C-alpha cells in the first residue's frame, strides 16, 4: 500500500468521524497524519517500523494504523465507519463545497441519504432552512451535484429528452436522403434511459464515416450492424444500420420491448414484418390497430389492438389545471399570487395550492393560523382573478400512525387534501401499508400523493403492496397522484392499467415548487400515456367547474362539508 493510499484512507476516516460527531481531536489527528504522509519523501513501506512512530505528526494510534495497512492491506477502523455510513452519504462526500459538518447537518436534520435526494432538496429550497446554509451555498451545491450526475451512465428521460430530439434532427440532416429515426427505449419514452438508440438506413461504414466527423462523438464498439458511441463522454448512443427496404420493419423491431415482440409474434405478426412500407402497414396486415411507440411494452396493448379497444391517450393539452403546487407560504420560490397569475397566463383554468402541512418543519409547513391566513389571501385573489380559481388545498403529512397532520375541523376547510409521506421513509412493507391504508380511509383524503416516496436513480422508496393500495383507493374514492416531477413519476406507470381497471382516478400533478415546475406535467403525461391513461381518467383534466362539482359531491358523500 503506497503513501497516497494510506493518506487518502486517513483523510476519509477523519471526515467520516466528523460526520458521525466523534471526538474532533481524534478526527484532526488522522487529518494531520494524512497531510504529513502526503509530503514524505520516502515510501512508508520502505521505512523501518520503529522510525514510523518518530515521524512528526504520526502518533501512537496513527502509527499502529499505518502498520495495519502495510501488513494486511486493510484498515479496520475505516471499514467500521464505512459500514455504519449510508452509501449515499459516501457519494455526497464527493461533492465540492460540502464539508463533513454540513453533510452531517443535511443527513441528520433532513434525513437525506443520497445524491438525488440532496438535489431534490436543493430544488425545493430545503437547505435554506438549515443553519449555515444560504442561497449561494444551496445554488453552489445544486450546480456541483448536477455536474457530478452528468458523468454517470443512466439518466432520467427528462435529462436527455432534448439531447435525443436534437440528435435525431442532426442525423437526419447529415444522412439525408437516408431514413433516420430514434428507436428503442427512448422512442418508447421510458422513464430511465441507459442509451439513445437511432436507426439509420445506411451501411455501417457510411454511418461511421459521417458520425466520426461530428464533435463530441467517440466510437467505443463496432460490428456489422451496430455502432456504439459515447456522446460528450457521458451518454451512450447506439446507431443501428439497415437496408432502406427494411427500415420500417427494423424500426418496429428495435422500438419494441422484448415482451411486446413475444406477444406480437405469438399473435402471428412476424409474417408481416419483411419489407414493410410503414409501421402502420405492419399493424394493418396483422389485423391490429396502430399501437403508439410508448405503449409497445407487452402488457395489454396487443389484445386491445386486436379488438379495436386501444385508448385515446391523454396529451399535455388535456390538462386544464395545476394540481399540487407550493408557494412561498412553505418551500416554493414564488408567491401565491405569482403562481396563480402564471398559471392563468399559461391557459390553465385553476391552481390547486398545496403547501406543506405543519409537521414538515423542514419545508416551512403551515401551522393552523397560517392556514387560515392563506385562505384569506386565496379568497381575495379569487375575487380579483375570476373566472380563474385557486383551490384551497394542503399536502398533509401522513404521520407515523397514519393520521393526517391537522384536526378534522381544519381539514374540513380545504377544498381537497393531498396526503403524502415525507418522514421516516425506512419502513417495512407492513408499517408502510398500515400507515398508507389508514390515510386512504380518512374521509378527508382526496388524493394519495407520490405513493412510494421514490426518487428515480436515487431512492427506491418504501415497499408497498400496489394492488392493495389501489384496491383501497377504489373502495374509498381516493384519487392516486402520478407525481409528474421527473425524479418521482410516482405512481409507477406499470401499475396504471390496474388502477384504471379498478376505476381509480389518476391525477397528473407537477408538485411544482416554482412557476417553471408547471412544465413537469409534460413528463407526467408521457408516463401516463405508457399506462394507457385518457383525459377522462385524469383529475387534472377536469375543467374548473367539473373539478368543483366533483369535490362538492365527494364531500357530500363523505359528509364532511365545512
Protein backbone atom coordinates (compact mmCIF):
# COMPACT_ATOMS: atom_id res chain seq x y z
CA UNK A 1 0.00 0.00 0.00
CA UNK A 2 1.60 3.29 -1.08
CA UNK A 3 1.76 6.58 0.81
CA UNK A 4 -1.01 8.21 -1.18
CA UNK A 5 -3.45 5.39 -0.44
CA UNK A 6 -2.62 5.50 3.28
CA UNK A 7 -3.05 9.29 3.30
CA UNK A 8 -6.38 9.00 1.46
CA UNK A 9 -7.58 6.44 3.99
CA UNK A 10 -6.68 8.75 6.90
CA UNK A 11 -8.32 11.71 5.21
CA UNK A 12 -11.55 9.76 4.58
CA UNK A 13 -11.57 8.45 8.15
CA UNK A 14 -11.18 11.97 9.53
CA UNK A 15 -14.15 13.19 7.51
CA UNK A 16 -16.33 10.23 8.46
CA UNK A 17 -15.52 10.71 12.15
CA UNK A 18 -16.57 14.36 11.82
CA UNK A 19 -19.80 13.36 10.09
CA UNK A 20 -20.58 10.91 12.90
CA UNK A 21 -19.83 13.51 15.55
CA UNK A 22 -16.82 11.75 17.02
CA UNK A 23 -14.14 13.42 19.12
CA UNK A 24 -12.83 16.28 16.99
CA UNK A 25 -9.26 15.91 18.34
CA UNK A 26 -9.08 12.29 17.14
CA UNK A 27 -10.52 13.22 13.76
CA UNK A 28 -7.97 16.02 13.37
CA UNK A 29 -5.11 13.71 14.29
CA UNK A 30 -5.92 11.47 11.32
CA UNK A 31 -6.29 14.51 9.02
CA UNK A 32 -2.92 15.82 10.21
CA UNK A 33 -1.34 12.43 9.62
CA UNK A 34 -2.76 12.36 6.09
CA UNK A 35 -1.16 15.74 5.36
CA UNK A 36 2.17 14.58 6.77
CA UNK A 37 2.23 11.30 4.84
CA UNK A 38 1.50 13.01 1.51
CA UNK A 39 4.69 15.09 1.94
CA UNK A 40 7.02 12.24 2.92
CA UNK A 41 9.95 11.77 0.51
CA UNK A 42 10.25 8.03 1.28
CA UNK A 43 7.60 5.30 0.93
CA UNK A 44 6.37 4.12 4.33
CA UNK A 45 6.70 0.50 3.21
CA UNK A 46 10.46 1.09 2.92
CA UNK A 47 10.72 2.87 6.27
CA UNK A 48 11.86 0.88 9.35
CA UNK A 49 8.88 0.22 11.59
CA UNK A 50 10.25 1.96 14.67
CA UNK A 51 11.08 5.07 12.64
CA UNK A 52 7.45 5.43 11.51
CA UNK A 53 6.49 6.39 15.08
CA UNK A 54 9.24 9.07 15.14
CA UNK A 55 7.82 10.94 12.14
CA UNK A 56 6.49 14.31 13.23
CA UNK A 57 2.70 14.25 13.01
CA UNK A 58 2.43 10.44 13.47
CA UNK A 59 1.22 9.38 16.90
CA UNK A 60 0.68 6.02 18.59
CA UNK A 61 -2.81 5.46 17.10
CA UNK A 62 -1.96 6.63 13.58
CA UNK A 63 1.32 4.70 13.65
CA UNK A 64 -0.45 1.43 14.52
CA UNK A 65 -2.97 2.08 11.77
CA UNK A 66 -0.14 2.55 9.24
CA UNK A 67 1.37 -0.78 10.26
CA UNK A 68 -2.01 -2.49 9.92
CA UNK A 69 -2.41 -1.17 6.39
CA UNK A 70 1.14 -2.12 5.40
CA UNK A 71 0.83 -5.63 6.84
CA UNK A 72 -2.78 -6.55 5.98
CA UNK A 73 -3.78 -4.13 3.19
CA UNK A 74 -6.78 -3.36 5.42
CA UNK A 75 -7.82 -0.56 7.76
CA UNK A 76 -10.30 -1.93 10.29
CA UNK A 77 -11.29 1.43 11.83
CA UNK A 78 -12.05 2.94 8.43
CA UNK A 79 -14.03 -0.15 7.42
CA UNK A 80 -16.11 0.25 10.59
CA UNK A 81 -17.07 3.83 9.76
CA UNK A 82 -17.78 2.99 6.13
CA UNK A 83 -20.03 0.18 7.36
CA UNK A 84 -22.15 2.48 9.53
CA UNK A 85 -22.41 5.21 6.87
CA UNK A 86 -25.14 5.05 4.19
CA UNK A 87 -23.57 4.56 0.73
CA UNK A 88 -25.30 7.71 -0.48
CA UNK A 89 -23.55 9.80 2.16
CA UNK A 90 -20.21 8.47 0.94
CA UNK A 91 -21.19 9.61 -2.54
CA UNK A 92 -22.31 13.04 -1.28
CA UNK A 93 -18.83 13.48 0.20
CA UNK A 94 -17.55 13.73 -3.39
CA UNK A 95 -19.46 16.99 -3.93
CA UNK A 96 -17.34 20.12 -3.81
CA UNK A 97 -18.35 22.74 -1.30
CA UNK A 98 -19.76 20.34 1.30
CA UNK A 99 -17.60 19.66 4.31
CA UNK A 100 -18.26 16.98 6.93
CA UNK A 101 -20.15 19.32 9.27
CA UNK A 102 -22.58 20.41 6.55
CA UNK A 103 -23.05 16.83 5.37
CA UNK A 104 -23.81 15.76 8.94
CA UNK A 105 -26.41 18.52 9.22
CA UNK A 106 -28.05 17.52 5.92
CA UNK A 107 -28.10 13.86 6.93
CA UNK A 108 -29.32 14.25 10.49
CA UNK A 109 -31.77 17.13 10.11
CA UNK A 110 -33.21 16.45 6.63
CA UNK A 111 -32.78 12.67 6.67
CA UNK A 112 -31.11 12.89 3.25
CA UNK A 113 -29.03 9.84 2.34
CA UNK A 114 -28.46 10.04 -1.41
CA UNK A 115 -27.28 12.43 -4.11
CA UNK A 116 -30.67 12.51 -5.78
CA UNK A 117 -32.43 13.35 -2.52
CA UNK A 118 -29.98 16.19 -1.95
CA UNK A 119 -30.57 17.61 -5.44
CA UNK A 120 -34.32 17.36 -4.89
CA UNK A 121 -33.93 19.18 -1.57
CA UNK A 122 -31.95 21.96 -3.27
CA UNK A 123 -34.69 22.37 -5.87
CA UNK A 124 -37.24 22.62 -3.06
CA UNK A 125 -35.14 25.15 -1.08
CA UNK A 126 -34.84 22.79 1.89
CA UNK A 127 -31.21 23.70 2.55
CA UNK A 128 -32.18 27.32 3.25
CA UNK A 129 -33.87 26.17 6.44
CA UNK A 130 -30.61 24.83 7.86
CA UNK A 131 -28.17 26.83 9.95
CA UNK A 132 -25.11 27.80 7.94
CA UNK A 133 -26.76 27.45 4.53
CA UNK A 134 -27.71 30.40 2.35
CA UNK A 135 -28.93 30.82 -1.22
CA UNK A 136 -25.41 30.94 -2.65
CA UNK A 137 -24.40 27.77 -0.83
CA UNK A 138 -27.53 25.94 -1.93
CA UNK A 139 -27.08 27.03 -5.55
CA UNK A 140 -23.43 26.01 -5.48
CA UNK A 141 -24.33 22.60 -4.10
CA UNK A 142 -27.04 22.17 -6.75
CA UNK A 143 -24.66 23.04 -9.59
CA UNK A 144 -21.95 20.74 -8.24
CA UNK A 145 -24.40 17.86 -7.93
CA UNK A 146 -25.63 18.37 -11.49
CA UNK A 147 -22.04 18.38 -12.72
CA UNK A 148 -21.33 15.17 -10.82
CA UNK A 149 -24.50 13.45 -12.05
CA UNK A 150 -23.79 14.44 -15.64
CA UNK A 151 -20.92 11.96 -15.61
CA UNK A 152 -22.91 8.88 -14.69
CA UNK A 153 -24.27 6.33 -17.16
CA UNK A 154 -28.03 6.30 -16.53
CA UNK A 155 -30.34 9.26 -16.98
CA UNK A 156 -33.87 10.39 -16.34
CA UNK A 157 -35.79 10.71 -19.59
CA UNK A 158 -36.25 14.42 -18.84
CA UNK A 159 -32.48 14.88 -18.64
CA UNK A 160 -31.83 13.61 -22.15
CA UNK A 161 -35.12 14.30 -23.97
CA UNK A 162 -33.83 17.42 -25.71
CA UNK A 163 -30.48 15.80 -26.46
CA UNK A 164 -32.21 12.88 -28.16
CA UNK A 165 -34.54 15.06 -30.21
CA UNK A 166 -31.68 17.31 -31.32
CA UNK A 167 -29.54 14.29 -32.21
CA UNK A 168 -32.29 12.86 -34.41
CA UNK A 169 -32.62 16.16 -36.31
CA UNK A 170 -28.85 16.45 -36.72
CA UNK A 171 -28.50 12.92 -38.08
CA UNK A 172 -31.48 13.34 -40.39
CA UNK A 173 -29.74 16.33 -41.93
CA UNK A 174 -26.31 14.77 -42.43
CA UNK A 175 -27.62 11.34 -43.51
CA UNK A 176 -30.23 12.69 -45.98
CA UNK A 177 -31.88 11.33 -48.02
CA UNK A 178 -31.49 8.13 -45.92
CA UNK A 179 -34.24 7.48 -43.36
CA UNK A 180 -33.30 8.17 -39.74
CA UNK A 181 -35.36 7.71 -36.56
CA UNK A 182 -34.93 7.45 -32.83
CA UNK A 183 -35.77 3.98 -31.59
CA UNK A 184 -35.50 1.71 -28.56
CA UNK A 185 -36.45 2.69 -25.01
CA UNK A 186 -36.00 6.36 -25.84
CA UNK A 187 -38.71 6.18 -28.51
CA UNK A 188 -40.96 4.40 -26.00
CA UNK A 189 -40.48 7.33 -23.59
CA UNK A 190 -39.07 5.07 -20.88
CA UNK A 191 -38.59 6.93 -17.60
CA UNK A 192 -34.94 5.75 -17.29
CA UNK A 193 -32.63 5.93 -20.28
CA UNK A 194 -29.45 3.83 -20.49
CA UNK A 195 -28.69 4.74 -24.10
CA UNK A 196 -30.13 6.71 -27.01
CA UNK A 197 -30.74 4.44 -29.99
CA UNK A 198 -31.01 5.61 -33.60
CA UNK A 199 -31.90 3.59 -36.69
CA UNK A 200 -30.27 4.68 -39.97
CA UNK A 201 -30.94 3.21 -43.41
CA UNK A 202 -27.27 3.23 -44.44
CA UNK A 203 -24.38 0.74 -44.25
CA UNK A 204 -22.36 0.75 -41.03
CA UNK A 205 -19.26 2.09 -42.80
CA UNK A 206 -21.14 5.12 -44.13
CA UNK A 207 -22.69 5.85 -40.75
CA UNK A 208 -19.31 5.58 -39.04
CA UNK A 209 -17.69 7.96 -41.51
CA UNK A 210 -20.40 10.59 -41.10
CA UNK A 211 -20.67 10.49 -37.32
CA UNK A 212 -16.92 10.29 -36.67
CA UNK A 213 -16.60 13.81 -38.07
CA UNK A 214 -19.12 15.23 -35.59
CA UNK A 215 -17.84 16.91 -32.41
CA UNK A 216 -18.36 15.04 -29.16
CA UNK A 217 -18.68 11.52 -30.60
CA UNK A 218 -16.23 8.78 -29.63
CA UNK A 219 -16.62 5.30 -31.11
CA UNK A 220 -16.36 2.54 -28.49
CA UNK A 221 -17.68 -0.61 -30.22
CA UNK A 222 -18.41 -1.64 -33.80
CA UNK A 223 -19.85 -4.64 -35.63
CA UNK A 224 -21.54 -5.24 -38.99
CA UNK A 225 -24.93 -3.90 -37.82
CA UNK A 226 -24.38 -1.53 -34.90
CA UNK A 227 -22.03 1.17 -33.69
CA UNK A 228 -21.75 2.21 -30.05
CA UNK A 229 -20.68 5.77 -29.34
CA UNK A 230 -20.05 7.96 -26.30
CA UNK A 231 -21.50 11.44 -26.76
CA UNK A 232 -19.70 14.20 -24.84
CA UNK A 233 -18.01 11.45 -22.85
CA UNK A 234 -21.18 10.64 -20.92
CA UNK A 235 -24.18 9.45 -22.97
CA UNK A 236 -24.18 6.10 -24.73
CA UNK A 237 -25.52 6.31 -28.28
CA UNK A 238 -26.21 3.18 -30.37
CA UNK A 239 -26.68 3.53 -34.13
CA UNK A 240 -28.37 0.61 -35.89
CA UNK A 241 -27.86 0.22 -39.63
CA UNK A 242 -30.24 -1.42 -42.09
CA UNK A 243 -31.14 -1.64 -45.76
CA UNK A 244 -33.60 1.05 -46.95
CA UNK A 245 -36.22 -1.59 -47.78
CA UNK A 246 -36.05 -2.93 -44.20
CA UNK A 247 -36.23 0.42 -42.43
CA UNK A 248 -39.79 0.20 -41.08
CA UNK A 249 -39.56 -3.45 -40.11
CA UNK A 250 -36.31 -2.73 -38.25
CA UNK A 251 -37.80 0.39 -36.68
CA UNK A 252 -40.68 -1.76 -35.46
CA UNK A 253 -38.36 -4.42 -34.03
CA UNK A 254 -35.83 -2.09 -32.39
CA UNK A 255 -38.54 0.09 -30.85
CA UNK A 256 -40.41 -2.76 -29.17
CA UNK A 257 -39.77 -4.11 -25.69
CA UNK A 258 -38.98 -7.86 -25.79
CA UNK A 259 -42.32 -8.71 -24.15
CA UNK A 260 -44.15 -6.80 -26.89
CA UNK A 261 -42.35 -8.69 -29.66
CA UNK A 262 -43.12 -12.01 -27.96
CA UNK A 263 -46.84 -11.19 -27.88
CA UNK A 264 -46.81 -9.74 -31.39
CA UNK A 265 -45.14 -12.85 -32.80
CA UNK A 266 -47.48 -15.13 -30.83
CA UNK A 267 -50.39 -13.33 -32.49
CA UNK A 268 -48.94 -14.14 -35.92
CA UNK A 269 -47.45 -10.74 -36.58
CA UNK A 270 -43.94 -11.89 -37.53
CA UNK A 271 -45.10 -12.88 -41.02
CA UNK A 272 -45.87 -9.24 -41.84
CA UNK A 273 -42.53 -7.66 -40.92
CA UNK A 274 -40.47 -8.14 -44.07
CA UNK A 275 -40.01 -5.06 -46.29
CA UNK A 276 -42.98 -3.23 -44.79
CA UNK A 277 -43.95 0.12 -46.30
CA UNK A 278 -44.65 1.64 -42.84
CA UNK A 279 -45.30 0.67 -39.24
CA UNK A 280 -49.00 1.33 -39.83
CA UNK A 281 -48.88 -1.25 -42.65
CA UNK A 282 -47.37 -3.84 -40.28
CA UNK A 283 -50.19 -3.44 -37.77
CA UNK A 284 -52.82 -3.38 -40.51
CA UNK A 285 -51.53 -6.59 -42.07
CA UNK A 286 -51.68 -8.21 -38.62
CA UNK A 287 -55.34 -7.08 -38.23
CA UNK A 288 -54.40 -4.73 -35.39
CA UNK A 289 -54.99 -1.05 -34.76
CA UNK A 290 -51.83 1.06 -34.80
CA UNK A 291 -50.09 0.96 -31.42
CA UNK A 292 -48.16 4.08 -30.47
CA UNK A 293 -44.47 3.52 -29.61
CA UNK A 294 -44.97 4.49 -25.98
CA UNK A 295 -47.35 1.56 -25.48
CA UNK A 296 -45.19 -1.16 -27.02
CA UNK A 297 -44.26 -2.78 -23.72
CA UNK A 298 -46.13 -6.09 -23.88
CA UNK A 299 -48.85 -5.51 -21.29
CA UNK A 300 -52.40 -5.42 -22.73
CA UNK A 301 -51.84 -3.39 -25.88
CA UNK A 302 -51.71 -6.31 -28.36
CA UNK A 303 -55.07 -7.65 -27.16
CA UNK A 304 -56.56 -4.14 -27.21
CA UNK A 305 -55.29 -3.54 -30.75
CA UNK A 306 -56.77 -6.84 -31.96
CA UNK A 307 -60.18 -5.89 -30.59
CA UNK A 308 -60.08 -2.18 -31.53
CA UNK A 309 -60.01 -1.21 -27.84
CA UNK A 310 -56.89 0.94 -27.67
CA UNK A 311 -57.43 4.06 -25.52
CA UNK A 312 -57.19 7.60 -26.88
CA UNK A 313 -54.20 8.60 -24.79
CA UNK A 314 -54.04 11.78 -22.76
CA UNK A 315 -51.89 14.63 -24.11
CA UNK A 316 -50.46 17.60 -22.26
CA UNK A 317 -53.06 20.00 -23.70
CA UNK A 318 -55.79 17.91 -22.00
CA UNK A 319 -54.62 19.12 -18.59
CA UNK A 320 -56.82 22.04 -17.52
CA UNK A 321 -55.33 22.97 -14.17
CA UNK A 322 -52.28 22.71 -11.94
CA UNK A 323 -52.92 20.38 -9.03
CA UNK A 324 -50.26 20.13 -6.30
CA UNK A 325 -48.10 23.24 -6.14
CA UNK A 326 -46.10 25.04 -3.47
CA UNK A 327 -45.64 28.76 -2.88
CA UNK A 328 -43.55 30.91 -0.57
CA UNK A 329 -46.05 30.06 2.14
CA UNK A 330 -44.00 26.86 2.53
CA UNK A 331 -40.99 25.91 0.38
CA UNK A 332 -41.84 27.33 -3.05
CA UNK A 333 -39.81 30.10 -4.66
CA UNK A 334 -42.72 32.23 -5.94
CA UNK A 335 -45.55 33.97 -4.13
CA UNK A 336 -49.03 32.51 -4.26
CA UNK A 337 -50.18 35.36 -6.49
CA UNK A 338 -47.23 34.89 -8.85
CA UNK A 339 -48.03 31.18 -9.16
CA UNK A 340 -51.69 31.90 -9.85
CA UNK A 341 -51.02 34.65 -12.40
CA UNK A 342 -48.53 32.43 -14.24
CA UNK A 343 -50.99 29.52 -14.33
CA UNK A 344 -53.71 31.78 -15.72
CA UNK A 345 -51.37 33.28 -18.32
CA UNK A 346 -50.39 29.77 -19.44
CA UNK A 347 -54.03 28.98 -20.16
CA UNK A 348 -54.87 26.89 -17.11
CA UNK A 349 -58.31 27.31 -15.54
CA UNK A 350 -57.24 26.80 -11.94
CA UNK A 351 -54.40 26.31 -9.48
CA UNK A 352 -54.60 23.92 -6.55
CA UNK A 353 -52.21 25.36 -3.98
CA UNK A 354 -50.96 22.53 -1.76
CA UNK A 355 -48.33 23.90 0.57
CA UNK A 356 -46.81 21.65 3.19
CA UNK A 357 -48.52 20.93 6.49
CA UNK A 358 -47.20 21.80 9.92
CA UNK A 359 -45.18 18.62 10.58
CA UNK A 360 -42.98 19.42 7.58
CA UNK A 361 -40.89 21.86 9.62
CA UNK A 362 -38.03 21.45 7.14
CA UNK A 363 -40.33 22.88 4.44
CA UNK A 364 -41.78 25.74 6.49
CA UNK A 365 -45.04 23.84 6.88
CA UNK A 366 -48.19 25.78 7.74
CA UNK A 367 -49.40 25.91 11.31
CA UNK A 368 -53.14 26.40 11.74
CA UNK A 369 -53.05 30.19 12.00
CA UNK A 370 -51.06 30.36 8.76
CA UNK A 371 -53.55 28.05 7.04
CA UNK A 372 -56.33 30.47 7.91
CA UNK A 373 -54.25 33.44 6.75
CA UNK A 374 -53.53 31.75 3.43
CA UNK A 375 -57.23 31.04 2.94
CA UNK A 376 -57.96 34.72 3.43
CA UNK A 377 -55.45 35.59 0.70
CA UNK A 378 -56.94 32.95 -1.60
CA UNK A 379 -60.43 34.44 -1.15
CA UNK A 380 -59.09 37.87 -2.09
CA UNK A 381 -57.22 36.58 -5.14
CA UNK A 382 -60.22 34.58 -6.34
CA UNK A 383 -62.33 37.74 -6.35
CA UNK A 384 -59.68 39.54 -8.36
CA UNK A 385 -58.82 36.73 -10.81
CA UNK A 386 -62.25 35.21 -11.59
CA UNK A 387 -63.17 33.11 -13.52
CA UNK A 388 -59.71 31.65 -12.80
CA UNK A 389 -59.80 29.93 -9.44
CA UNK A 390 -57.36 28.97 -6.71
CA UNK A 391 -58.50 25.87 -4.83
CA UNK A 392 -57.60 25.62 -1.15
CA UNK A 393 -55.52 22.53 -0.56
CA UNK A 394 -52.71 21.20 1.59
CA UNK A 395 -50.12 18.47 1.19
CA UNK A 396 -50.84 16.92 4.55
CA UNK A 397 -48.15 14.75 6.03
CA UNK A 398 -49.24 11.19 6.77
CA UNK A 399 -47.96 10.80 10.33
CA UNK A 400 -46.34 7.65 11.68
CA UNK A 401 -49.68 6.27 12.86
CA UNK A 402 -51.41 7.05 9.53
CA UNK A 403 -53.25 10.11 10.82
CA UNK A 404 -53.25 13.35 8.84
CA UNK A 405 -51.49 16.43 10.10
CA UNK A 406 -54.46 18.54 11.26
CA UNK A 407 -57.62 18.04 13.28
CA UNK A 408 -60.82 17.37 11.32
CA UNK A 409 -62.17 20.89 11.77
CA UNK A 410 -59.13 22.26 9.89
CA UNK A 411 -59.08 19.51 7.24
CA UNK A 412 -62.74 20.34 6.52
CA UNK A 413 -61.75 23.87 5.48
CA UNK A 414 -59.76 22.66 2.45
CA UNK A 415 -61.32 22.07 -0.95
CA UNK A 416 -59.14 18.97 -1.25
CA UNK A 417 -56.36 17.27 0.70
CA UNK A 418 -53.28 15.58 -0.78
CA UNK A 419 -51.97 13.03 1.74
CA UNK A 420 -48.27 12.19 1.45
CA UNK A 421 -45.50 10.50 3.42
CA UNK A 422 -42.41 12.67 3.93
CA UNK A 423 -40.76 11.33 7.08
CA UNK A 424 -39.45 8.02 8.45
CA UNK A 425 -39.17 6.54 4.97
CA UNK A 426 -37.22 3.46 6.05
CA UNK A 427 -40.31 1.40 6.77
CA UNK A 428 -41.07 -2.26 6.40
CA UNK A 429 -43.88 -3.06 3.98
CA UNK A 430 -46.11 -3.90 6.94
CA UNK A 431 -45.53 -0.50 8.53
CA UNK A 432 -45.84 1.38 5.23
CA UNK A 433 -49.09 -0.36 4.35
CA UNK A 434 -50.65 0.26 7.77
CA UNK A 435 -49.70 3.92 7.54
CA UNK A 436 -50.97 4.40 3.97
CA UNK A 437 -54.19 2.41 4.33
CA UNK A 438 -55.25 4.39 7.39
CA UNK A 439 -54.62 7.64 5.49
CA UNK A 440 -56.59 6.39 2.48
CA UNK A 441 -59.52 5.52 4.74
CA UNK A 442 -59.53 9.04 6.21
CA UNK A 443 -62.61 10.75 4.69
CA UNK A 444 -60.65 13.99 4.19
CA UNK A 445 -58.01 12.38 1.94
CA UNK A 446 -58.81 13.36 -1.65
CA UNK A 447 -55.54 12.40 -3.36
CA UNK A 448 -52.81 9.99 -2.30
CA UNK A 449 -49.56 11.81 -3.11
CA UNK A 450 -46.40 10.15 -4.52
CA UNK A 451 -47.35 6.67 -3.38
CA UNK A 452 -43.94 5.14 -2.68
CA UNK A 453 -41.78 8.19 -1.93
CA UNK A 454 -39.26 7.08 -4.54
CA UNK A 455 -36.71 9.31 -6.24
CA UNK A 456 -35.61 7.75 -9.52
CA UNK A 457 -31.92 6.79 -9.70
CA UNK A 458 -31.58 7.88 -6.06
CA UNK A 459 -34.06 6.26 -3.68
CA UNK A 460 -36.20 3.18 -4.19
CA UNK A 461 -38.93 4.33 -1.86
CA UNK A 462 -40.64 2.29 0.84
CA UNK A 463 -42.05 -1.13 -0.11
CA UNK A 464 -45.78 -1.26 -0.74
CA UNK A 465 -48.39 -3.71 -1.98
CA UNK A 466 -49.55 -1.74 -5.02
CA UNK A 467 -52.67 -3.82 -5.59
CA UNK A 468 -53.82 -3.45 -2.00
CA UNK A 469 -53.32 0.33 -2.11
CA UNK A 470 -55.13 0.67 -5.44
CA UNK A 471 -57.98 -1.50 -4.12
CA UNK A 472 -58.22 0.69 -1.01
CA UNK A 473 -58.28 3.86 -3.11
CA UNK A 474 -61.08 2.34 -5.22
CA UNK A 475 -63.07 1.44 -2.12
CA UNK A 476 -62.64 4.88 -0.54
CA UNK A 477 -62.92 7.08 -3.64
CA UNK A 478 -59.36 8.35 -3.32
CA UNK A 479 -57.50 9.66 -6.37
CA UNK A 480 -53.96 8.39 -6.96
CA UNK A 481 -51.41 11.01 -7.89
CA UNK A 482 -49.00 10.49 -10.74
CA UNK A 483 -46.42 12.90 -9.42
CA UNK A 484 -45.01 14.43 -12.59
CA UNK A 485 -41.69 15.56 -11.20
CA UNK A 486 -39.18 13.75 -13.47
CA UNK A 487 -37.35 12.39 -10.45
CA UNK A 488 -40.54 10.91 -8.97
CA UNK A 489 -43.06 9.80 -11.63
CA UNK A 490 -44.78 8.04 -8.77
CA UNK A 491 -47.13 6.00 -9.07
CA UNK A 492 -45.03 3.92 -11.45
CA UNK A 493 -46.71 3.73 -14.86
CA UNK A 494 -46.71 -0.09 -14.82
CA UNK A 495 -49.44 0.00 -12.16
CA UNK A 496 -51.69 2.42 -14.03
CA UNK A 497 -53.54 -0.29 -16.03
CA UNK A 498 -54.60 -1.97 -12.80
CA UNK A 499 -55.72 1.35 -11.31
CA UNK A 500 -57.78 2.09 -14.42
CA UNK A 501 -59.25 -1.41 -14.28
CA UNK A 502 -60.42 -0.59 -10.75
CA UNK A 503 -61.89 2.76 -11.95
CA UNK A 504 -59.49 4.77 -9.80
CA UNK A 505 -58.92 8.31 -11.00
CA UNK A 506 -55.33 9.37 -11.65
CA UNK A 507 -54.14 12.94 -11.16
CA UNK A 508 -51.12 14.13 -13.14
CA UNK A 509 -49.64 16.71 -10.77
CA UNK A 510 -46.38 18.65 -11.20
CA UNK A 511 -45.61 19.07 -7.48
CA UNK A 512 -44.40 22.48 -8.65
CA UNK A 513 -42.17 24.46 -6.31
CA UNK A 514 -41.73 27.17 -8.93
CA UNK A 515 -43.51 28.50 -11.99
CA UNK A 516 -41.04 26.56 -14.14
CA UNK A 517 -42.22 23.42 -12.37
CA UNK A 518 -45.57 23.62 -14.19
CA UNK A 519 -43.77 22.23 -17.24
CA UNK A 520 -43.30 18.89 -15.49
CA UNK A 521 -46.87 17.94 -16.41
CA UNK A 522 -45.33 17.11 -19.81
CA UNK A 523 -43.23 14.32 -18.31
CA UNK A 524 -46.11 13.14 -16.16
CA UNK A 525 -48.26 12.93 -19.27
CA UNK A 526 -45.65 10.84 -21.08
CA UNK A 527 -45.59 8.39 -18.16
CA UNK A 528 -49.40 8.36 -18.05
CA UNK A 529 -49.53 7.54 -21.75
CA UNK A 530 -47.43 4.43 -21.15
CA UNK A 531 -50.05 3.28 -18.65
CA UNK A 532 -52.96 3.92 -21.02
CA UNK A 533 -54.43 6.94 -19.22
CA UNK A 534 -57.02 9.04 -21.07
CA UNK A 535 -58.18 12.54 -20.22
CA UNK A 536 -61.35 11.07 -18.72
CA UNK A 537 -59.23 9.06 -16.27
CA UNK A 538 -57.26 12.12 -15.10
CA UNK A 539 -58.46 14.53 -12.42
CA UNK A 540 -56.30 17.44 -13.60
CA UNK A 541 -58.03 17.21 -16.99
CA UNK A 542 -61.31 18.27 -15.35
CA UNK A 543 -62.41 21.80 -16.14
CA UNK A 544 -62.73 24.18 -13.22
CA UNK A 545 -66.49 23.56 -13.00
CA UNK A 546 -66.07 19.80 -13.28
CA UNK A 547 -63.47 19.80 -10.53
CA UNK A 548 -65.61 21.98 -8.28
CA UNK A 549 -68.63 19.72 -8.79
CA UNK A 550 -66.55 16.61 -8.20
CA UNK A 551 -65.17 17.97 -4.93
CA UNK A 552 -68.57 19.12 -3.70
CA UNK A 553 -70.18 15.78 -4.49
CA UNK A 554 -67.36 13.95 -2.81
CA UNK A 555 -67.75 16.00 0.37
CA UNK A 556 -71.47 15.27 0.41
CA UNK A 557 -70.80 11.55 0.05
CA UNK A 558 -68.26 11.67 2.86
CA UNK A 559 -70.43 14.02 4.93
CA UNK A 560 -67.51 16.36 5.51
CA UNK A 561 -68.90 19.70 4.36
CA UNK A 562 -67.22 22.57 6.17
